[in-house]
């Protein structure tokens, strides 16, 4: 196949001719068409695979979010149940504390009445005084234990006061003396180094020292 045309350059007319093989050109076109089809099919496959991968990723992300939401809801329910139990426990502590304090108050009143009648009997009066002191100490310990607000806060502040350490130790020995005798143990306070006499007045939490 031939193609001719006239062209004028700087006043000079020229003729150019293009010759090519139409059949060979057509085979090249068909050859490139096959490559184009293959490229189109490849692009289609890539698009489909990419779309499937995207859908799988989205599905997994959505499933993970569902699991996280379910776990969060479960954890929230457990937290609410724990808070409700804690609130019920605090109310129970408050009720028990009120009842026990009333009981200790009645005991101390009875001891005071007995102390008035036991004045002619020094030993009985001494024992009643020890019982009264121990009752008050137990009441102080109970107040510190049943104070739910301090327990929930994780704090137990110390009550600093000045007291006689020698008197505290002597009262403890007198209190536990009869129990020790009942078990065959001789309980004796013997401050040989006179440390109690040197350091009688101390400052600290008397109730916590009693607990120790």
N, C-alpha and C. Protein backbone atom coordinates (compact mmCIF):
# COMPACT_ATOMS: atom_id res chain seq x y z
N UNK A 1 0.87 -1.17 0.00
CA UNK A 1 0.00 0.00 0.00
C UNK A 1 0.91 1.22 0.00
N UNK A 2 0.49 2.21 -0.86
CA UNK A 2 1.27 3.45 -1.01
C UNK A 2 0.42 4.64 -0.63
N UNK A 3 1.11 5.71 -0.13
CA UNK A 3 0.44 6.95 0.19
C UNK A 3 1.34 8.07 -0.31
N UNK A 4 0.79 8.99 -1.19
CA UNK A 4 1.58 10.08 -1.77
C UNK A 4 0.97 11.41 -1.38
N UNK A 5 1.86 12.44 -1.30
CA UNK A 5 1.39 13.79 -0.98
C UNK A 5 2.43 14.78 -1.47
N UNK A 6 1.96 16.02 -1.79
CA UNK A 6 2.84 17.09 -2.28
C UNK A 6 3.05 18.07 -1.14
N UNK A 7 4.30 18.48 -0.93
CA UNK A 7 4.63 19.42 0.13
C UNK A 7 5.56 20.47 -0.45
N UNK A 8 5.37 21.75 -0.03
CA UNK A 8 6.17 22.87 -0.56
C UNK A 8 7.01 23.42 0.57
N UNK A 9 8.33 23.45 0.32
CA UNK A 9 9.27 23.93 1.33
C UNK A 9 10.15 24.97 0.67
N UNK A 10 10.05 26.26 1.17
CA UNK A 10 10.86 27.39 0.66
C UNK A 10 10.67 27.55 -0.84
N UNK A 11 9.45 27.46 -1.30
CA UNK A 11 9.13 27.64 -2.71
C UNK A 11 9.41 26.45 -3.58
N UNK A 12 9.92 25.40 -3.00
CA UNK A 12 10.21 24.20 -3.77
C UNK A 12 9.17 23.14 -3.46
N UNK A 13 8.56 22.65 -4.49
CA UNK A 13 7.55 21.61 -4.32
C UNK A 13 8.22 20.25 -4.33
N UNK A 14 7.80 19.46 -3.40
CA UNK A 14 8.36 18.11 -3.28
C UNK A 14 7.21 17.13 -3.12
N UNK A 15 7.49 15.92 -3.45
CA UNK A 15 6.50 14.85 -3.33
C UNK A 15 7.10 13.75 -2.45
N UNK A 16 6.35 13.34 -1.41
CA UNK A 16 6.85 12.24 -0.57
C UNK A 16 5.86 11.11 -0.64
N UNK A 17 6.40 9.93 -0.55
CA UNK A 17 5.59 8.72 -0.69
C UNK A 17 5.89 7.80 0.50
N UNK A 18 4.82 7.23 1.03
CA UNK A 18 4.94 6.27 2.13
C UNK A 18 4.41 4.94 1.65
N UNK A 19 5.20 3.93 1.79
CA UNK A 19 4.80 2.58 1.38
C UNK A 19 4.92 1.65 2.57
N UNK A 20 3.91 0.86 2.76
CA UNK A 20 3.93 -0.12 3.88
C UNK A 20 3.12 -1.32 3.48
N UNK A 21 3.39 -2.38 4.18
CA UNK A 21 2.73 -3.66 3.92
C UNK A 21 1.48 -3.72 4.80
N UNK A 22 0.31 -3.65 4.19
CA UNK A 22 -0.96 -3.63 4.92
C UNK A 22 -1.19 -4.93 5.66
N UNK A 23 -0.82 -6.02 5.06
CA UNK A 23 -1.05 -7.31 5.71
C UNK A 23 -0.18 -7.46 6.95
N UNK A 24 1.09 -7.02 6.88
CA UNK A 24 1.97 -7.09 8.04
C UNK A 24 1.53 -6.17 9.15
N UNK A 25 1.03 -4.99 8.75
CA UNK A 25 0.53 -4.06 9.75
C UNK A 25 -0.67 -4.62 10.47
N UNK A 26 -1.55 -5.27 9.71
CA UNK A 26 -2.73 -5.87 10.34
C UNK A 26 -2.35 -6.97 11.32
N UNK A 27 -1.33 -7.76 10.97
CA UNK A 27 -0.89 -8.80 11.91
C UNK A 27 -0.33 -8.19 13.18
N UNK A 28 0.39 -7.02 13.01
CA UNK A 28 0.90 -6.34 14.22
C UNK A 28 -0.24 -5.85 15.08
N UNK A 29 -1.29 -5.30 14.41
CA UNK A 29 -2.45 -4.81 15.18
C UNK A 29 -3.09 -5.96 15.92
N UNK A 30 -3.28 -7.10 15.25
CA UNK A 30 -3.88 -8.26 15.92
C UNK A 30 -2.99 -8.76 17.06
N UNK A 31 -1.70 -8.70 16.85
CA UNK A 31 -0.77 -9.12 17.89
C UNK A 31 -0.90 -8.22 19.11
N UNK A 32 -0.95 -6.91 18.91
CA UNK A 32 -1.09 -5.96 20.02
C UNK A 32 -2.46 -6.07 20.66
N UNK A 33 -3.48 -6.42 19.85
CA UNK A 33 -4.81 -6.62 20.43
C UNK A 33 -4.80 -7.76 21.44
N UNK A 34 -4.08 -8.82 21.13
CA UNK A 34 -3.98 -9.93 22.07
C UNK A 34 -3.30 -9.49 23.35
N UNK A 35 -2.23 -8.71 23.23
CA UNK A 35 -1.55 -8.21 24.42
C UNK A 35 -2.46 -7.28 25.23
N UNK A 36 -3.24 -6.45 24.49
CA UNK A 36 -4.16 -5.55 25.18
C UNK A 36 -5.22 -6.33 25.93
N UNK A 37 -5.76 -7.40 25.29
CA UNK A 37 -6.75 -8.24 25.96
C UNK A 37 -6.16 -8.90 27.21
N UNK A 38 -4.93 -9.41 27.07
CA UNK A 38 -4.29 -10.02 28.22
C UNK A 38 -4.08 -9.00 29.36
N UNK A 39 -3.64 -7.78 28.96
CA UNK A 39 -3.44 -6.73 29.95
C UNK A 39 -4.76 -6.35 30.62
N UNK A 40 -5.84 -6.29 29.82
CA UNK A 40 -7.15 -5.95 30.36
C UNK A 40 -7.64 -7.02 31.34
N UNK A 41 -7.43 -8.29 30.93
CA UNK A 41 -7.83 -9.39 31.83
C UNK A 41 -7.01 -9.36 33.12
N UNK A 42 -5.70 -9.07 32.98
CA UNK A 42 -4.85 -9.00 34.15
C UNK A 42 -5.29 -7.87 35.10
N UNK A 43 -5.61 -6.72 34.52
CA UNK A 43 -6.09 -5.60 35.34
C UNK A 43 -7.40 -5.95 36.03
N UNK A 44 -8.28 -6.63 35.31
CA UNK A 44 -9.56 -7.03 35.90
C UNK A 44 -9.34 -7.99 37.08
N UNK A 45 -8.42 -8.94 36.88
CA UNK A 45 -8.11 -9.88 37.97
C UNK A 45 -7.54 -9.14 39.17
N UNK A 46 -6.63 -8.20 38.90
CA UNK A 46 -6.03 -7.42 39.99
C UNK A 46 -7.09 -6.64 40.75
N UNK A 47 -8.02 -6.01 39.99
CA UNK A 47 -9.09 -5.24 40.63
C UNK A 47 -9.97 -6.14 41.49
N UNK A 48 -10.32 -7.31 40.93
CA UNK A 48 -11.18 -8.25 41.68
C UNK A 48 -10.47 -8.73 42.95
N UNK A 49 -9.19 -9.11 42.82
CA UNK A 49 -8.43 -9.58 43.99
C UNK A 49 -8.30 -8.47 45.03
N UNK A 50 -8.01 -7.25 44.56
CA UNK A 50 -7.89 -6.13 45.50
C UNK A 50 -9.21 -5.87 46.21
N UNK A 51 -10.31 -5.94 45.45
CA UNK A 51 -11.63 -5.71 46.05
C UNK A 51 -11.94 -6.80 47.09
N UNK A 52 -11.63 -8.05 46.76
CA UNK A 52 -11.87 -9.14 47.71
C UNK A 52 -11.02 -8.97 48.97
N UNK A 53 -9.75 -8.59 48.77
CA UNK A 53 -8.88 -8.38 49.93
C UNK A 53 -9.38 -7.24 50.79
N UNK A 54 -9.85 -6.17 50.15
CA UNK A 54 -10.40 -5.03 50.89
C UNK A 54 -11.63 -5.44 51.70
N UNK A 55 -12.51 -6.22 51.05
CA UNK A 55 -13.73 -6.69 51.75
C UNK A 55 -13.36 -7.57 52.93
N UNK A 56 -12.37 -8.47 52.76
CA UNK A 56 -11.95 -9.35 53.85
C UNK A 56 -11.37 -8.53 55.01
N UNK A 57 -10.54 -7.53 54.68
CA UNK A 57 -9.95 -6.68 55.73
C UNK A 57 -11.04 -5.92 56.50
N UNK A 58 -12.00 -5.36 55.75
CA UNK A 58 -13.10 -4.63 56.39
C UNK A 58 -13.92 -5.57 57.27
N UNK A 59 -14.16 -6.78 56.79
CA UNK A 59 -14.94 -7.75 57.56
C UNK A 59 -14.22 -8.13 58.85
N UNK A 60 -12.89 -8.37 58.74
CA UNK A 60 -12.13 -8.70 59.94
C UNK A 60 -12.10 -7.55 60.93
N UNK A 61 -11.94 -6.33 60.41
CA UNK A 61 -11.93 -5.16 61.30
C UNK A 61 -13.28 -5.00 61.99
N UNK A 62 -14.36 -5.18 61.22
CA UNK A 62 -15.70 -5.07 61.82
C UNK A 62 -15.92 -6.16 62.86
N UNK A 63 -15.44 -7.38 62.57
CA UNK A 63 -15.59 -8.47 63.53
C UNK A 63 -14.79 -8.20 64.80
N UNK A 64 -13.58 -7.67 64.62
CA UNK A 64 -12.77 -7.34 65.79
C UNK A 64 -13.42 -6.25 66.62
N UNK A 65 -13.99 -5.24 65.96
CA UNK A 65 -14.69 -4.19 66.68
C UNK A 65 -15.89 -4.74 67.44
N UNK A 66 -16.58 -5.70 66.83
CA UNK A 66 -17.72 -6.32 67.52
C UNK A 66 -17.26 -7.06 68.77
N UNK A 67 -16.14 -7.80 68.65
CA UNK A 67 -15.61 -8.49 69.83
C UNK A 67 -15.18 -7.51 70.91
N UNK A 68 -14.52 -6.42 70.50
CA UNK A 68 -14.09 -5.42 71.46
C UNK A 68 -15.28 -4.77 72.16
N UNK A 69 -16.32 -4.46 71.37
CA UNK A 69 -17.52 -3.86 71.96
C UNK A 69 -18.19 -4.83 72.94
N UNK A 70 -18.23 -6.11 72.56
CA UNK A 70 -18.83 -7.11 73.45
C UNK A 70 -18.02 -7.24 74.73
N UNK A 71 -16.69 -7.24 74.61
CA UNK A 71 -15.83 -7.33 75.80
C UNK A 71 -15.99 -6.09 76.67
N UNK A 72 -16.10 -4.92 76.02
CA UNK A 72 -16.28 -3.68 76.78
C UNK A 72 -17.61 -3.68 77.53
N UNK A 73 -18.65 -4.14 76.86
CA UNK A 73 -19.97 -4.21 77.52
C UNK A 73 -19.93 -5.18 78.70
N UNK A 74 -19.27 -6.33 78.50
CA UNK A 74 -19.16 -7.31 79.59
C UNK A 74 -18.37 -6.74 80.76
N UNK A 75 -17.27 -6.04 80.44
CA UNK A 75 -16.45 -5.45 81.49
C UNK A 75 -17.22 -4.37 82.23
N UNK A 76 -18.01 -3.59 81.49
CA UNK A 76 -18.83 -2.55 82.13
C UNK A 76 -19.85 -3.16 83.07
N UNK A 77 -20.46 -4.27 82.63
CA UNK A 77 -21.43 -4.94 83.50
C UNK A 77 -20.76 -5.48 84.76
N UNK A 78 -19.56 -6.07 84.60
CA UNK A 78 -18.84 -6.57 85.77
C UNK A 78 -18.46 -5.44 86.72
N UNK A 79 -18.06 -4.31 86.14
CA UNK A 79 -17.70 -3.15 86.97
C UNK A 79 -18.91 -2.64 87.73
N UNK A 80 -20.06 -2.56 87.04
CA UNK A 80 -21.28 -2.12 87.72
C UNK A 80 -21.68 -3.07 88.83
N UNK A 81 -21.54 -4.38 88.58
CA UNK A 81 -21.86 -5.36 89.62
C UNK A 81 -20.91 -5.23 90.81
N UNK A 82 -19.62 -5.00 90.52
CA UNK A 82 -18.65 -4.85 91.61
C UNK A 82 -18.95 -3.58 92.42
N UNK A 83 -19.31 -2.49 91.72
CA UNK A 83 -19.65 -1.26 92.43
C UNK A 83 -20.90 -1.45 93.27
N UNK A 84 -21.87 -2.19 92.74
CA UNK A 84 -23.09 -2.43 93.50
C UNK A 84 -22.80 -3.27 94.74
N UNK A 85 -21.95 -4.32 94.57
CA UNK A 85 -21.58 -5.14 95.72
C UNK A 85 -20.82 -4.31 96.76
N UNK A 86 -19.93 -3.44 96.28
CA UNK A 86 -19.17 -2.60 97.20
C UNK A 86 -20.10 -1.66 97.96
N UNK A 87 -21.10 -1.11 97.25
CA UNK A 87 -22.05 -0.23 97.91
C UNK A 87 -22.87 -1.00 98.94
N UNK A 88 -23.31 -2.20 98.59
CA UNK A 88 -24.07 -3.02 99.54
C UNK A 88 -23.20 -3.38 100.75
N UNK A 89 -21.92 -3.67 100.50
CA UNK A 89 -21.02 -3.99 101.60
C UNK A 89 -20.83 -2.79 102.52
N UNK A 90 -20.71 -1.60 101.92
CA UNK A 90 -20.55 -0.39 102.73
C UNK A 90 -21.79 -0.16 103.59
N UNK A 91 -22.97 -0.37 103.00
CA UNK A 91 -24.19 -0.21 103.78
C UNK A 91 -24.27 -1.23 104.90
N UNK A 92 -23.85 -2.48 104.60
CA UNK A 92 -23.87 -3.51 105.64
C UNK A 92 -22.89 -3.16 106.76
N UNK A 93 -21.70 -2.67 106.39
CA UNK A 93 -20.74 -2.25 107.41
C UNK A 93 -21.30 -1.13 108.28
N UNK A 94 -21.95 -0.17 107.64
CA UNK A 94 -22.51 0.94 108.41
C UNK A 94 -23.58 0.46 109.38
N UNK A 95 -24.44 -0.48 108.93
CA UNK A 95 -25.48 -1.02 109.80
C UNK A 95 -24.89 -1.81 110.95
N UNK A 96 -23.90 -2.69 110.64
CA UNK A 96 -23.27 -3.49 111.69
C UNK A 96 -22.52 -2.59 112.67
N UNK A 97 -21.84 -1.58 112.15
CA UNK A 97 -21.10 -0.66 113.01
C UNK A 97 -22.04 0.04 113.99
N UNK A 98 -23.19 0.45 113.51
CA UNK A 98 -24.15 1.14 114.37
C UNK A 98 -24.65 0.22 115.48
N UNK A 99 -24.98 -1.02 115.12
CA UNK A 99 -25.50 -1.97 116.11
C UNK A 99 -24.44 -2.33 117.15
N UNK A 100 -23.21 -2.57 116.69
CA UNK A 100 -22.15 -2.96 117.63
C UNK A 100 -21.78 -1.80 118.54
N UNK A 101 -21.76 -0.59 117.99
CA UNK A 101 -21.47 0.57 118.84
C UNK A 101 -22.52 0.73 119.93
N UNK A 102 -23.77 0.50 119.57
CA UNK A 102 -24.83 0.58 120.59
C UNK A 102 -24.61 -0.47 121.68
N UNK A 103 -24.20 -1.71 121.25
CA UNK A 103 -23.94 -2.76 122.23
C UNK A 103 -22.80 -2.41 123.16
N UNK A 104 -21.71 -1.87 122.61
CA UNK A 104 -20.59 -1.46 123.45
C UNK A 104 -20.98 -0.31 124.37
N UNK A 105 -21.83 0.59 123.88
CA UNK A 105 -22.30 1.69 124.74
C UNK A 105 -23.08 1.18 125.94
N UNK A 106 -23.92 0.18 125.72
CA UNK A 106 -24.66 -0.42 126.83
C UNK A 106 -23.73 -1.10 127.83
N UNK A 107 -22.69 -1.78 127.29
CA UNK A 107 -21.74 -2.46 128.18
C UNK A 107 -20.99 -1.45 129.06
N UNK A 108 -20.52 -0.36 128.46
CA UNK A 108 -19.79 0.64 129.24
C UNK A 108 -20.69 1.28 130.29
N UNK A 109 -21.95 1.48 129.98
CA UNK A 109 -22.88 2.04 130.97
C UNK A 109 -23.05 1.09 132.16
N UNK A 110 -23.18 -0.20 131.87
CA UNK A 110 -23.32 -1.18 132.94
C UNK A 110 -22.04 -1.24 133.78
N UNK A 111 -20.89 -1.15 133.13
CA UNK A 111 -19.62 -1.17 133.88
C UNK A 111 -19.52 0.04 134.78
N UNK A 112 -19.93 1.21 134.29
CA UNK A 112 -19.90 2.41 135.13
C UNK A 112 -20.80 2.25 136.34
N UNK A 113 -21.96 1.64 136.16
CA UNK A 113 -22.86 1.40 137.29
C UNK A 113 -22.23 0.43 138.30
N UNK A 114 -21.56 -0.60 137.77
CA UNK A 114 -20.90 -1.56 138.67
C UNK A 114 -19.73 -0.92 139.41
N UNK A 115 -19.03 0.01 138.74
CA UNK A 115 -17.92 0.69 139.40
C UNK A 115 -18.40 1.51 140.59
N UNK A 116 -19.56 2.12 140.47
CA UNK A 116 -20.11 2.89 141.59
C UNK A 116 -20.42 1.99 142.79
N UNK A 117 -20.89 0.76 142.51
CA UNK A 117 -21.24 -0.16 143.60
C UNK A 117 -20.02 -0.92 144.13
N UNK A 118 -18.93 -0.96 143.35
CA UNK A 118 -17.76 -1.75 143.73
C UNK A 118 -16.69 -0.94 144.43
N UNK A 119 -16.99 0.29 144.84
CA UNK A 119 -15.98 1.12 145.49
C UNK A 119 -15.44 0.53 146.79
N UNK A 120 -16.26 -0.21 147.60
CA UNK A 120 -15.66 -0.82 148.80
C UNK A 120 -14.75 -2.00 148.50
N UNK A 121 -14.74 -2.48 147.25
CA UNK A 121 -13.95 -3.66 146.90
C UNK A 121 -12.88 -3.25 145.87
N UNK A 122 -11.68 -2.92 146.32
CA UNK A 122 -10.65 -2.39 145.40
C UNK A 122 -10.30 -3.34 144.26
N UNK A 123 -10.20 -4.65 144.56
CA UNK A 123 -9.83 -5.59 143.50
C UNK A 123 -10.91 -5.67 142.43
N UNK A 124 -12.19 -5.71 142.88
CA UNK A 124 -13.28 -5.74 141.92
C UNK A 124 -13.34 -4.46 141.10
N UNK A 125 -13.13 -3.34 141.77
CA UNK A 125 -13.13 -2.07 141.05
C UNK A 125 -12.01 -2.00 140.03
N UNK A 126 -10.84 -2.56 140.39
CA UNK A 126 -9.71 -2.57 139.46
C UNK A 126 -10.02 -3.43 138.24
N UNK A 127 -10.62 -4.59 138.48
CA UNK A 127 -10.98 -5.46 137.36
C UNK A 127 -12.02 -4.82 136.46
N UNK A 128 -13.00 -4.16 137.06
CA UNK A 128 -14.02 -3.48 136.26
C UNK A 128 -13.42 -2.35 135.44
N UNK A 129 -12.44 -1.65 136.05
CA UNK A 129 -11.78 -0.57 135.30
C UNK A 129 -11.00 -1.13 134.11
N UNK A 130 -10.36 -2.29 134.32
CA UNK A 130 -9.65 -2.92 133.21
C UNK A 130 -10.63 -3.34 132.11
N UNK A 131 -11.75 -3.89 132.52
CA UNK A 131 -12.76 -4.29 131.54
C UNK A 131 -13.27 -3.07 130.78
N UNK A 132 -13.49 -1.99 131.50
CA UNK A 132 -13.98 -0.77 130.85
C UNK A 132 -12.95 -0.22 129.86
N UNK A 133 -11.67 -0.21 130.29
CA UNK A 133 -10.62 0.30 129.38
C UNK A 133 -10.51 -0.57 128.14
N UNK A 134 -10.56 -1.90 128.33
CA UNK A 134 -10.46 -2.80 127.18
C UNK A 134 -11.67 -2.66 126.26
N UNK A 135 -12.84 -2.43 126.87
CA UNK A 135 -14.03 -2.21 126.05
C UNK A 135 -13.89 -0.96 125.21
N UNK A 136 -13.37 0.10 125.79
CA UNK A 136 -13.18 1.34 125.04
C UNK A 136 -12.13 1.15 123.95
N UNK A 137 -11.09 0.38 124.27
CA UNK A 137 -10.06 0.12 123.24
C UNK A 137 -10.65 -0.69 122.09
N UNK A 138 -11.46 -1.70 122.44
CA UNK A 138 -12.11 -2.49 121.39
C UNK A 138 -13.04 -1.63 120.55
N UNK A 139 -13.71 -0.70 121.19
CA UNK A 139 -14.60 0.20 120.45
C UNK A 139 -13.81 1.09 119.50
N UNK A 140 -12.65 1.56 119.94
CA UNK A 140 -11.80 2.37 119.06
C UNK A 140 -11.31 1.54 117.88
N UNK A 141 -10.89 0.30 118.16
CA UNK A 141 -10.44 -0.58 117.08
C UNK A 141 -11.58 -0.85 116.11
N UNK A 142 -12.76 -1.10 116.65
CA UNK A 142 -13.93 -1.35 115.81
C UNK A 142 -14.23 -0.15 114.92
N UNK A 143 -14.13 1.05 115.49
CA UNK A 143 -14.39 2.25 114.70
C UNK A 143 -13.40 2.39 113.55
N UNK A 144 -12.15 2.03 113.81
CA UNK A 144 -11.14 2.14 112.74
C UNK A 144 -11.33 1.08 111.68
N UNK A 145 -11.81 -0.11 112.08
CA UNK A 145 -12.01 -1.20 111.11
C UNK A 145 -13.26 -0.98 110.29
N UNK A 146 -14.32 -0.52 110.93
CA UNK A 146 -15.61 -0.40 110.25
C UNK A 146 -15.80 0.93 109.53
N UNK A 147 -14.76 1.73 109.51
CA UNK A 147 -14.87 2.99 108.78
C UNK A 147 -14.70 2.69 107.29
N UNK A 148 -15.83 2.47 106.63
CA UNK A 148 -15.80 2.00 105.24
C UNK A 148 -15.19 3.02 104.30
N UNK A 149 -15.38 4.30 104.58
CA UNK A 149 -14.85 5.32 103.66
C UNK A 149 -13.32 5.28 103.63
N UNK A 150 -12.70 5.08 104.78
CA UNK A 150 -11.24 4.98 104.81
C UNK A 150 -10.76 3.69 104.19
N UNK A 151 -11.53 2.61 104.40
CA UNK A 151 -11.14 1.33 103.81
C UNK A 151 -11.20 1.40 102.30
N UNK A 152 -12.26 2.01 101.74
CA UNK A 152 -12.40 2.11 100.28
C UNK A 152 -11.33 3.01 99.69
N UNK A 153 -10.93 4.02 100.43
CA UNK A 153 -9.89 4.93 99.94
C UNK A 153 -8.50 4.32 100.07
N UNK A 154 -8.39 3.18 100.75
CA UNK A 154 -7.09 2.55 100.94
C UNK A 154 -6.21 3.30 101.91
N UNK A 155 -6.81 4.05 102.82
CA UNK A 155 -6.04 4.84 103.77
C UNK A 155 -6.55 4.55 105.18
N UNK A 156 -5.63 4.52 106.13
CA UNK A 156 -5.99 4.38 107.53
C UNK A 156 -5.10 5.36 108.30
N UNK A 157 -5.53 6.61 108.43
CA UNK A 157 -4.67 7.63 109.05
C UNK A 157 -4.43 7.34 110.53
N UNK A 158 -3.29 7.78 111.01
CA UNK A 158 -2.92 7.61 112.41
C UNK A 158 -3.45 8.77 113.24
N UNK A 159 -3.89 8.43 114.44
CA UNK A 159 -4.37 9.44 115.38
C UNK A 159 -3.27 9.69 116.40
N UNK A 160 -2.57 10.80 116.22
CA UNK A 160 -1.43 11.11 117.08
C UNK A 160 -1.92 11.77 118.36
N UNK A 161 -1.51 11.20 119.48
CA UNK A 161 -1.85 11.76 120.78
C UNK A 161 -0.76 11.36 121.78
N UNK A 162 -0.66 12.12 122.84
CA UNK A 162 0.32 11.82 123.88
C UNK A 162 -0.32 10.92 124.93
N UNK A 163 0.37 9.85 125.30
CA UNK A 163 -0.16 8.93 126.29
C UNK A 163 0.99 8.31 127.07
N UNK A 164 0.62 7.65 128.18
CA UNK A 164 1.59 7.03 129.06
C UNK A 164 1.84 5.60 128.59
N UNK A 165 3.02 5.33 128.04
CA UNK A 165 3.34 4.02 127.51
C UNK A 165 3.44 2.99 128.62
N UNK A 166 4.00 3.38 129.77
CA UNK A 166 4.12 2.43 130.89
C UNK A 166 2.75 1.99 131.37
N UNK A 167 1.83 2.93 131.48
CA UNK A 167 0.48 2.58 131.91
C UNK A 167 -0.19 1.66 130.89
N UNK A 168 0.04 1.92 129.60
CA UNK A 168 -0.55 1.08 128.55
C UNK A 168 -0.03 -0.36 128.65
N UNK A 169 1.30 -0.52 128.85
CA UNK A 169 1.88 -1.85 128.94
C UNK A 169 1.38 -2.56 130.20
N UNK A 170 1.31 -1.84 131.30
CA UNK A 170 0.83 -2.43 132.55
C UNK A 170 -0.62 -2.89 132.42
N UNK A 171 -1.45 -2.10 131.78
CA UNK A 171 -2.85 -2.49 131.58
C UNK A 171 -2.96 -3.74 130.71
N UNK A 172 -2.12 -3.81 129.67
CA UNK A 172 -2.15 -5.00 128.82
C UNK A 172 -1.72 -6.25 129.58
N UNK A 173 -0.70 -6.10 130.44
CA UNK A 173 -0.25 -7.25 131.23
C UNK A 173 -1.35 -7.68 132.20
N UNK A 174 -1.95 -6.71 132.87
CA UNK A 174 -3.04 -7.04 133.80
C UNK A 174 -4.22 -7.70 133.08
N UNK A 175 -4.49 -7.23 131.86
CA UNK A 175 -5.62 -7.76 131.12
C UNK A 175 -5.40 -9.22 130.72
N UNK A 176 -4.17 -9.55 130.29
CA UNK A 176 -3.90 -10.91 129.79
C UNK A 176 -3.30 -11.82 130.87
N UNK A 177 -3.14 -11.31 132.09
CA UNK A 177 -2.50 -12.11 133.14
C UNK A 177 -3.34 -13.35 133.47
N UNK A 178 -4.63 -13.17 133.69
CA UNK A 178 -5.47 -14.30 134.08
C UNK A 178 -5.59 -15.32 132.94
N UNK A 179 -5.62 -14.85 131.69
CA UNK A 179 -5.67 -15.77 130.56
C UNK A 179 -4.37 -16.58 130.48
N UNK A 180 -3.25 -15.93 130.75
CA UNK A 180 -1.97 -16.64 130.72
C UNK A 180 -1.90 -17.67 131.85
N UNK A 181 -2.37 -17.30 133.05
CA UNK A 181 -2.36 -18.23 134.18
C UNK A 181 -3.22 -19.45 133.86
N UNK A 182 -4.36 -19.22 133.20
CA UNK A 182 -5.22 -20.33 132.83
C UNK A 182 -4.56 -21.30 131.88
N UNK A 183 -3.58 -20.85 131.11
CA UNK A 183 -2.85 -21.72 130.17
C UNK A 183 -1.52 -22.20 130.74
N UNK A 184 -1.29 -21.90 132.03
CA UNK A 184 -0.05 -22.36 132.66
C UNK A 184 1.16 -21.51 132.32
N UNK A 185 0.94 -20.26 131.96
CA UNK A 185 2.03 -19.36 131.59
C UNK A 185 2.07 -18.24 132.62
N UNK A 186 3.26 -17.97 133.14
CA UNK A 186 3.43 -16.90 134.12
C UNK A 186 3.81 -15.62 133.37
N UNK A 187 2.91 -14.67 133.31
CA UNK A 187 3.14 -13.42 132.58
C UNK A 187 3.62 -12.35 133.56
N UNK A 188 4.85 -11.89 133.36
CA UNK A 188 5.47 -10.95 134.29
C UNK A 188 6.02 -9.77 133.50
N UNK A 189 5.78 -8.57 133.99
CA UNK A 189 6.36 -7.36 133.41
C UNK A 189 7.58 -6.98 134.24
N UNK A 190 8.74 -7.03 133.61
CA UNK A 190 9.98 -6.78 134.34
C UNK A 190 10.85 -5.82 133.53
N UNK A 191 10.58 -4.52 133.62
CA UNK A 191 11.42 -3.53 132.89
C UNK A 191 12.74 -3.32 133.62
N UNK A 192 13.65 -4.28 133.46
CA UNK A 192 14.91 -4.24 134.21
C UNK A 192 15.77 -3.04 133.83
N UNK A 193 15.68 -2.60 132.58
CA UNK A 193 16.53 -1.47 132.16
C UNK A 193 15.86 -0.12 132.43
N UNK A 194 14.70 -0.15 133.09
CA UNK A 194 13.97 1.08 133.44
C UNK A 194 13.62 1.93 132.22
N UNK A 195 13.46 1.27 131.07
CA UNK A 195 13.13 2.01 129.85
C UNK A 195 11.74 2.61 129.92
N UNK A 196 10.80 1.89 130.57
CA UNK A 196 9.44 2.44 130.69
C UNK A 196 9.42 3.69 131.54
N UNK A 197 10.25 3.71 132.57
CA UNK A 197 10.30 4.90 133.42
C UNK A 197 10.93 6.09 132.70
N UNK A 198 11.89 5.79 131.80
CA UNK A 198 12.56 6.88 131.08
C UNK A 198 11.68 7.45 129.98
N UNK A 199 10.90 6.59 129.34
CA UNK A 199 10.10 7.04 128.19
C UNK A 199 8.61 6.76 128.44
N UNK A 200 8.08 7.32 129.52
CA UNK A 200 6.68 7.09 129.85
C UNK A 200 5.77 7.83 128.87
N UNK A 201 6.02 9.10 128.71
CA UNK A 201 5.17 9.91 127.85
C UNK A 201 5.66 9.84 126.41
N UNK A 202 4.85 9.27 125.56
CA UNK A 202 5.17 9.15 124.13
C UNK A 202 4.00 9.70 123.32
N UNK A 203 4.27 9.92 122.03
CA UNK A 203 3.24 10.44 121.14
C UNK A 203 3.05 9.46 119.99
N UNK A 204 1.83 9.03 119.76
CA UNK A 204 1.55 8.09 118.69
C UNK A 204 0.08 7.71 118.69
N UNK A 205 -0.23 6.66 117.94
CA UNK A 205 -1.61 6.16 117.86
C UNK A 205 -1.76 5.04 118.89
N UNK A 206 -2.44 5.35 119.96
CA UNK A 206 -2.59 4.40 121.07
C UNK A 206 -3.35 3.15 120.63
N UNK A 207 -4.38 3.33 119.82
CA UNK A 207 -5.19 2.20 119.38
C UNK A 207 -4.38 1.24 118.53
N UNK A 208 -3.57 1.79 117.58
CA UNK A 208 -2.77 0.92 116.72
C UNK A 208 -1.72 0.17 117.53
N UNK A 209 -1.15 0.84 118.55
CA UNK A 209 -0.18 0.16 119.41
C UNK A 209 -0.85 -0.94 120.20
N UNK A 210 -2.08 -0.70 120.64
CA UNK A 210 -2.83 -1.76 121.32
C UNK A 210 -3.06 -2.95 120.40
N UNK A 211 -3.36 -2.69 119.14
CA UNK A 211 -3.55 -3.78 118.17
C UNK A 211 -2.27 -4.59 118.00
N UNK A 212 -1.15 -3.90 117.94
CA UNK A 212 0.12 -4.60 117.78
C UNK A 212 0.40 -5.47 119.00
